[in-house]
């Protein structure tokens, strides 16, 4: 798939593929948020913690690929990276990687 087609799918809100991409992405975001909410409950975390942890990594990898593809296909990469949405996308994936690099940081993020 070429750069222009990726741009059309990721940034193209007026295309069929763009709308499908946005719906799938929105669904993934909602499921990810539900997972974070569920993991904040001690009983659920105790019973399903491993599954929620795996799901968190799957979503982080998915969102990382999406972020990289957005940068790759952006007409102006610098403008996207420093745009509001570019910063939001980056801030959304950083915490999971920080927990991988320095596991005790999880306690700061759970507050």
N, C-alpha and C. Protein backbone atom coordinates (compact mmCIF):
# COMPACT_ATOMS: atom_id res chain seq x y z
N UNK A 1 0.86 -1.18 0.00
CA UNK A 1 0.00 0.00 0.00
C UNK A 1 0.90 1.23 0.00
N UNK A 2 0.60 2.17 -0.87
CA UNK A 2 1.45 3.34 -0.97
C UNK A 2 1.06 4.42 0.04
N UNK A 3 1.93 5.38 0.18
CA UNK A 3 1.79 6.45 1.16
C UNK A 3 0.49 7.24 0.98
N UNK A 4 0.12 7.51 -0.26
CA UNK A 4 -1.10 8.28 -0.54
C UNK A 4 -2.34 7.53 -0.11
N UNK A 5 -2.36 6.22 -0.34
CA UNK A 5 -3.52 5.40 0.05
C UNK A 5 -3.63 5.35 1.58
N UNK A 6 -2.50 5.20 2.24
CA UNK A 6 -2.51 5.19 3.71
C UNK A 6 -3.03 6.53 4.22
N UNK A 7 -2.57 7.62 3.63
CA UNK A 7 -3.03 8.96 4.02
C UNK A 7 -4.54 9.08 3.82
N UNK A 8 -5.03 8.59 2.69
CA UNK A 8 -6.46 8.66 2.40
C UNK A 8 -7.28 7.89 3.44
N UNK A 9 -6.78 6.73 3.84
CA UNK A 9 -7.51 5.91 4.83
C UNK A 9 -7.45 6.55 6.21
N UNK A 10 -6.27 6.98 6.63
CA UNK A 10 -6.10 7.49 8.00
C UNK A 10 -6.66 8.89 8.17
N UNK A 11 -6.44 9.75 7.22
CA UNK A 11 -6.87 11.14 7.36
C UNK A 11 -8.15 11.46 6.57
N UNK A 12 -8.61 10.53 5.74
CA UNK A 12 -9.74 10.79 4.86
C UNK A 12 -11.09 10.54 5.50
N UNK A 13 -11.62 11.56 6.15
CA UNK A 13 -12.91 11.40 6.83
C UNK A 13 -14.07 11.36 5.85
N UNK A 14 -13.84 11.78 4.62
CA UNK A 14 -14.92 11.81 3.62
C UNK A 14 -14.86 10.63 2.65
N UNK A 15 -14.04 9.62 2.97
CA UNK A 15 -13.96 8.44 2.13
C UNK A 15 -14.54 7.24 2.88
N UNK A 16 -14.98 6.25 2.14
CA UNK A 16 -15.54 5.05 2.77
C UNK A 16 -14.49 4.37 3.65
N UNK A 17 -13.28 4.19 3.09
CA UNK A 17 -12.20 3.56 3.87
C UNK A 17 -11.84 4.39 5.09
N UNK A 18 -11.84 5.70 4.95
CA UNK A 18 -11.54 6.59 6.08
C UNK A 18 -12.58 6.48 7.18
N UNK A 19 -13.85 6.41 6.80
CA UNK A 19 -14.92 6.27 7.81
C UNK A 19 -14.82 4.92 8.51
N UNK A 20 -14.56 3.87 7.75
CA UNK A 20 -14.40 2.53 8.35
C UNK A 20 -13.23 2.54 9.32
N UNK A 21 -12.10 3.13 8.90
CA UNK A 21 -10.92 3.23 9.77
C UNK A 21 -11.28 3.97 11.06
N UNK A 22 -11.97 5.10 10.93
CA UNK A 22 -12.34 5.90 12.11
C UNK A 22 -13.26 5.13 13.04
N UNK A 23 -14.21 4.38 12.50
CA UNK A 23 -15.12 3.59 13.33
C UNK A 23 -14.36 2.50 14.08
N UNK A 24 -13.47 1.81 13.36
CA UNK A 24 -12.66 0.77 14.01
C UNK A 24 -11.76 1.37 15.08
N UNK A 25 -11.14 2.50 14.77
CA UNK A 25 -10.27 3.16 15.74
C UNK A 25 -11.05 3.62 16.97
N UNK A 26 -12.21 4.19 16.75
CA UNK A 26 -13.05 4.63 17.87
C UNK A 26 -13.45 3.44 18.73
N UNK A 27 -13.81 2.34 18.10
CA UNK A 27 -14.14 1.12 18.85
C UNK A 27 -12.97 0.64 19.68
N UNK A 28 -11.78 0.65 19.08
CA UNK A 28 -10.58 0.22 19.81
C UNK A 28 -10.31 1.13 21.00
N UNK A 29 -10.49 2.43 20.80
CA UNK A 29 -10.28 3.39 21.89
C UNK A 29 -11.27 3.12 23.02
N UNK A 30 -12.53 2.92 22.69
CA UNK A 30 -13.55 2.67 23.71
C UNK A 30 -13.27 1.38 24.48
N UNK A 31 -12.91 0.33 23.75
CA UNK A 31 -12.59 -0.95 24.42
C UNK A 31 -11.37 -0.78 25.32
N UNK A 32 -10.38 -0.05 24.84
CA UNK A 32 -9.18 0.20 25.63
C UNK A 32 -9.51 0.96 26.92
N UNK A 33 -10.35 1.96 26.81
CA UNK A 33 -10.75 2.75 27.99
C UNK A 33 -11.52 1.86 28.98
N UNK A 34 -12.41 1.03 28.47
CA UNK A 34 -13.16 0.11 29.34
C UNK A 34 -12.18 -0.82 30.06
N UNK A 35 -11.15 -1.29 29.35
CA UNK A 35 -10.14 -2.14 29.98
C UNK A 35 -9.40 -1.44 31.10
N UNK A 36 -9.07 -0.18 30.90
CA UNK A 36 -8.39 0.60 31.94
C UNK A 36 -9.31 0.79 33.14
N UNK A 37 -10.57 1.08 32.88
CA UNK A 37 -11.54 1.26 33.97
C UNK A 37 -11.69 -0.04 34.74
N UNK A 38 -11.84 -1.16 34.03
CA UNK A 38 -11.99 -2.45 34.70
C UNK A 38 -10.76 -2.80 35.53
N UNK A 39 -9.58 -2.50 35.02
CA UNK A 39 -8.36 -2.85 35.75
C UNK A 39 -8.18 -2.03 37.02
N UNK A 40 -8.95 -0.95 37.16
CA UNK A 40 -8.85 -0.15 38.38
C UNK A 40 -9.62 -0.75 39.53
N UNK A 41 -10.48 -1.72 39.24
CA UNK A 41 -11.22 -2.43 40.29
C UNK A 41 -10.35 -3.60 40.78
N UNK A 42 -10.08 -3.63 42.07
CA UNK A 42 -9.17 -4.63 42.63
C UNK A 42 -9.63 -6.06 42.37
N UNK A 43 -10.94 -6.32 42.52
CA UNK A 43 -11.45 -7.69 42.32
C UNK A 43 -11.32 -8.12 40.86
N UNK A 44 -11.64 -7.21 39.95
CA UNK A 44 -11.52 -7.54 38.52
C UNK A 44 -10.05 -7.70 38.16
N UNK A 45 -9.22 -6.81 38.66
CA UNK A 45 -7.78 -6.89 38.39
C UNK A 45 -7.20 -8.20 38.90
N UNK A 46 -7.64 -8.63 40.07
CA UNK A 46 -7.15 -9.87 40.65
C UNK A 46 -7.53 -11.07 39.78
N UNK A 47 -8.75 -11.06 39.26
CA UNK A 47 -9.25 -12.19 38.49
C UNK A 47 -8.82 -12.15 37.02
N UNK A 48 -8.81 -10.97 36.43
CA UNK A 48 -8.56 -10.84 34.99
C UNK A 48 -7.33 -9.97 34.67
N UNK A 49 -6.50 -9.73 35.66
CA UNK A 49 -5.37 -8.84 35.49
C UNK A 49 -4.46 -9.21 34.33
N UNK A 50 -4.14 -10.48 34.19
CA UNK A 50 -3.25 -10.92 33.12
C UNK A 50 -3.88 -10.66 31.75
N UNK A 51 -5.16 -10.96 31.61
CA UNK A 51 -5.87 -10.72 30.36
C UNK A 51 -5.94 -9.22 30.04
N UNK A 52 -6.21 -8.42 31.05
CA UNK A 52 -6.26 -6.97 30.84
C UNK A 52 -4.89 -6.42 30.49
N UNK A 53 -3.85 -6.97 31.08
CA UNK A 53 -2.47 -6.55 30.77
C UNK A 53 -2.14 -6.86 29.31
N UNK A 54 -2.48 -8.07 28.87
CA UNK A 54 -2.24 -8.46 27.47
C UNK A 54 -3.03 -7.55 26.53
N UNK A 55 -4.28 -7.29 26.87
CA UNK A 55 -5.12 -6.42 26.04
C UNK A 55 -4.51 -5.01 25.97
N UNK A 56 -4.01 -4.53 27.09
CA UNK A 56 -3.39 -3.20 27.12
C UNK A 56 -2.20 -3.14 26.15
N UNK A 57 -1.40 -4.19 26.14
CA UNK A 57 -0.26 -4.22 25.21
C UNK A 57 -0.70 -4.32 23.76
N UNK A 58 -1.74 -5.11 23.51
CA UNK A 58 -2.25 -5.22 22.13
C UNK A 58 -2.72 -3.86 21.65
N UNK A 59 -3.49 -3.16 22.48
CA UNK A 59 -3.98 -1.84 22.08
C UNK A 59 -2.84 -0.83 21.95
N UNK A 60 -1.85 -0.91 22.84
CA UNK A 60 -0.70 -0.01 22.74
C UNK A 60 0.06 -0.22 21.44
N UNK A 61 0.25 -1.47 21.07
CA UNK A 61 0.93 -1.76 19.81
C UNK A 61 0.08 -1.28 18.63
N UNK A 62 -1.21 -1.53 18.68
CA UNK A 62 -2.12 -1.06 17.62
C UNK A 62 -2.06 0.46 17.49
N UNK A 63 -2.15 1.17 18.61
CA UNK A 63 -2.12 2.64 18.59
C UNK A 63 -0.73 3.16 18.17
N UNK A 64 0.31 2.42 18.49
CA UNK A 64 1.66 2.81 18.07
C UNK A 64 1.80 2.69 16.56
N UNK A 65 1.29 1.60 16.00
CA UNK A 65 1.32 1.43 14.55
C UNK A 65 0.52 2.54 13.88
N UNK A 66 -0.65 2.85 14.43
CA UNK A 66 -1.48 3.93 13.88
C UNK A 66 -0.72 5.26 13.93
N UNK A 67 -0.06 5.55 15.05
CA UNK A 67 0.70 6.79 15.20
C UNK A 67 1.84 6.87 14.18
N UNK A 68 2.57 5.76 14.02
CA UNK A 68 3.67 5.73 13.06
C UNK A 68 3.14 5.91 11.63
N UNK A 69 2.02 5.27 11.32
CA UNK A 69 1.43 5.43 9.98
C UNK A 69 0.95 6.85 9.75
N UNK A 70 0.43 7.49 10.79
CA UNK A 70 0.02 8.89 10.65
C UNK A 70 1.22 9.78 10.34
N UNK A 71 2.32 9.55 11.05
CA UNK A 71 3.53 10.34 10.79
C UNK A 71 4.04 10.06 9.38
N UNK A 72 4.11 8.79 9.03
CA UNK A 72 4.61 8.38 7.72
C UNK A 72 3.81 8.99 6.58
N UNK A 73 2.49 9.00 6.72
CA UNK A 73 1.64 9.42 5.61
C UNK A 73 1.24 10.90 5.66
N UNK A 74 1.60 11.59 6.73
CA UNK A 74 1.23 13.01 6.85
C UNK A 74 1.92 13.83 5.76
N UNK A 75 1.19 14.79 5.23
CA UNK A 75 1.77 15.66 4.20
C UNK A 75 2.89 16.52 4.80
N UNK A 76 2.73 16.89 6.08
CA UNK A 76 3.75 17.64 6.79
C UNK A 76 3.96 16.94 8.13
N UNK A 77 4.97 16.10 8.21
CA UNK A 77 5.20 15.28 9.41
C UNK A 77 5.39 16.11 10.67
N UNK A 78 6.21 17.12 10.56
CA UNK A 78 6.48 17.96 11.74
C UNK A 78 5.18 18.61 12.24
N UNK A 79 4.38 19.10 11.31
CA UNK A 79 3.12 19.73 11.68
C UNK A 79 2.21 18.75 12.41
N UNK A 80 2.14 17.51 11.91
CA UNK A 80 1.31 16.50 12.58
C UNK A 80 1.86 16.16 13.96
N UNK A 81 3.15 15.89 14.05
CA UNK A 81 3.75 15.49 15.32
C UNK A 81 3.48 16.52 16.42
N UNK A 82 3.56 17.80 16.09
CA UNK A 82 3.38 18.85 17.09
C UNK A 82 1.96 19.41 17.13
N UNK A 83 1.06 18.81 16.34
CA UNK A 83 -0.34 19.23 16.40
C UNK A 83 -0.97 18.69 17.68
N UNK A 84 -2.12 19.22 18.03
CA UNK A 84 -2.82 18.76 19.22
C UNK A 84 -3.06 17.26 19.16
N UNK A 85 -3.58 16.77 18.03
CA UNK A 85 -3.88 15.34 17.90
C UNK A 85 -2.61 14.49 17.88
N UNK A 86 -1.54 15.00 17.31
CA UNK A 86 -0.28 14.27 17.32
C UNK A 86 0.26 14.10 18.73
N UNK A 87 0.16 15.16 19.51
CA UNK A 87 0.62 15.10 20.90
C UNK A 87 -0.29 14.17 21.71
N UNK A 88 -1.61 14.25 21.50
CA UNK A 88 -2.55 13.36 22.20
C UNK A 88 -2.24 11.91 21.87
N UNK A 89 -2.01 11.61 20.59
CA UNK A 89 -1.68 10.24 20.20
C UNK A 89 -0.42 9.75 20.89
N UNK A 90 0.60 10.58 20.96
CA UNK A 90 1.84 10.19 21.61
C UNK A 90 1.65 9.99 23.11
N UNK A 91 0.96 10.92 23.75
CA UNK A 91 0.73 10.83 25.20
C UNK A 91 -0.12 9.60 25.54
N UNK A 92 -0.95 9.15 24.62
CA UNK A 92 -1.79 7.98 24.86
C UNK A 92 -0.99 6.69 24.91
N UNK A 93 0.12 6.63 24.19
CA UNK A 93 0.88 5.38 24.15
C UNK A 93 2.10 5.36 25.08
N UNK A 94 2.57 6.51 25.47
CA UNK A 94 3.78 6.58 26.30
C UNK A 94 3.66 5.84 27.64
N UNK A 95 2.55 5.96 28.39
CA UNK A 95 2.52 5.31 29.71
C UNK A 95 2.80 3.81 29.70
N UNK A 96 2.29 3.10 28.73
CA UNK A 96 2.53 1.65 28.70
C UNK A 96 4.01 1.35 28.48
N UNK A 97 4.64 2.12 27.60
CA UNK A 97 6.07 1.91 27.38
C UNK A 97 6.89 2.29 28.61
N UNK A 98 6.46 3.33 29.31
CA UNK A 98 7.15 3.71 30.54
C UNK A 98 7.06 2.61 31.58
N UNK A 99 5.89 1.94 31.67
CA UNK A 99 5.73 0.83 32.62
C UNK A 99 6.65 -0.34 32.25
N UNK A 100 6.89 -0.53 30.96
CA UNK A 100 7.78 -1.60 30.51
C UNK A 100 9.22 -1.28 30.89
N UNK A 101 9.61 -0.02 30.72
CA UNK A 101 10.98 0.41 31.01
C UNK A 101 11.22 0.49 32.52
N UNK A 102 10.22 1.00 33.24
CA UNK A 102 10.35 1.19 34.68
C UNK A 102 9.04 0.79 35.36
N UNK A 103 8.86 -0.53 35.66
CA UNK A 103 7.59 -1.05 36.18
C UNK A 103 7.00 -0.32 37.38
N UNK A 104 7.80 0.19 38.35
CA UNK A 104 7.18 0.88 39.49
C UNK A 104 6.37 2.12 39.10
N UNK A 105 6.59 2.65 37.90
CA UNK A 105 5.84 3.84 37.49
C UNK A 105 4.34 3.54 37.39
N UNK A 106 3.97 2.28 37.29
CA UNK A 106 2.56 1.89 37.23
C UNK A 106 1.78 2.44 38.43
N UNK A 107 2.42 2.47 39.57
CA UNK A 107 1.74 2.97 40.76
C UNK A 107 1.45 4.45 40.67
N UNK A 108 2.28 5.19 39.98
CA UNK A 108 2.01 6.61 39.74
C UNK A 108 0.88 6.80 38.74
N UNK A 109 0.80 5.92 37.75
CA UNK A 109 -0.21 6.03 36.72
C UNK A 109 -1.57 5.53 37.20
N UNK A 110 -1.61 4.69 38.23
CA UNK A 110 -2.87 4.16 38.75
C UNK A 110 -3.60 5.14 39.66
N UNK A 111 -2.97 6.23 39.98
CA UNK A 111 -3.57 7.20 40.91
C UNK A 111 -4.82 7.79 40.35
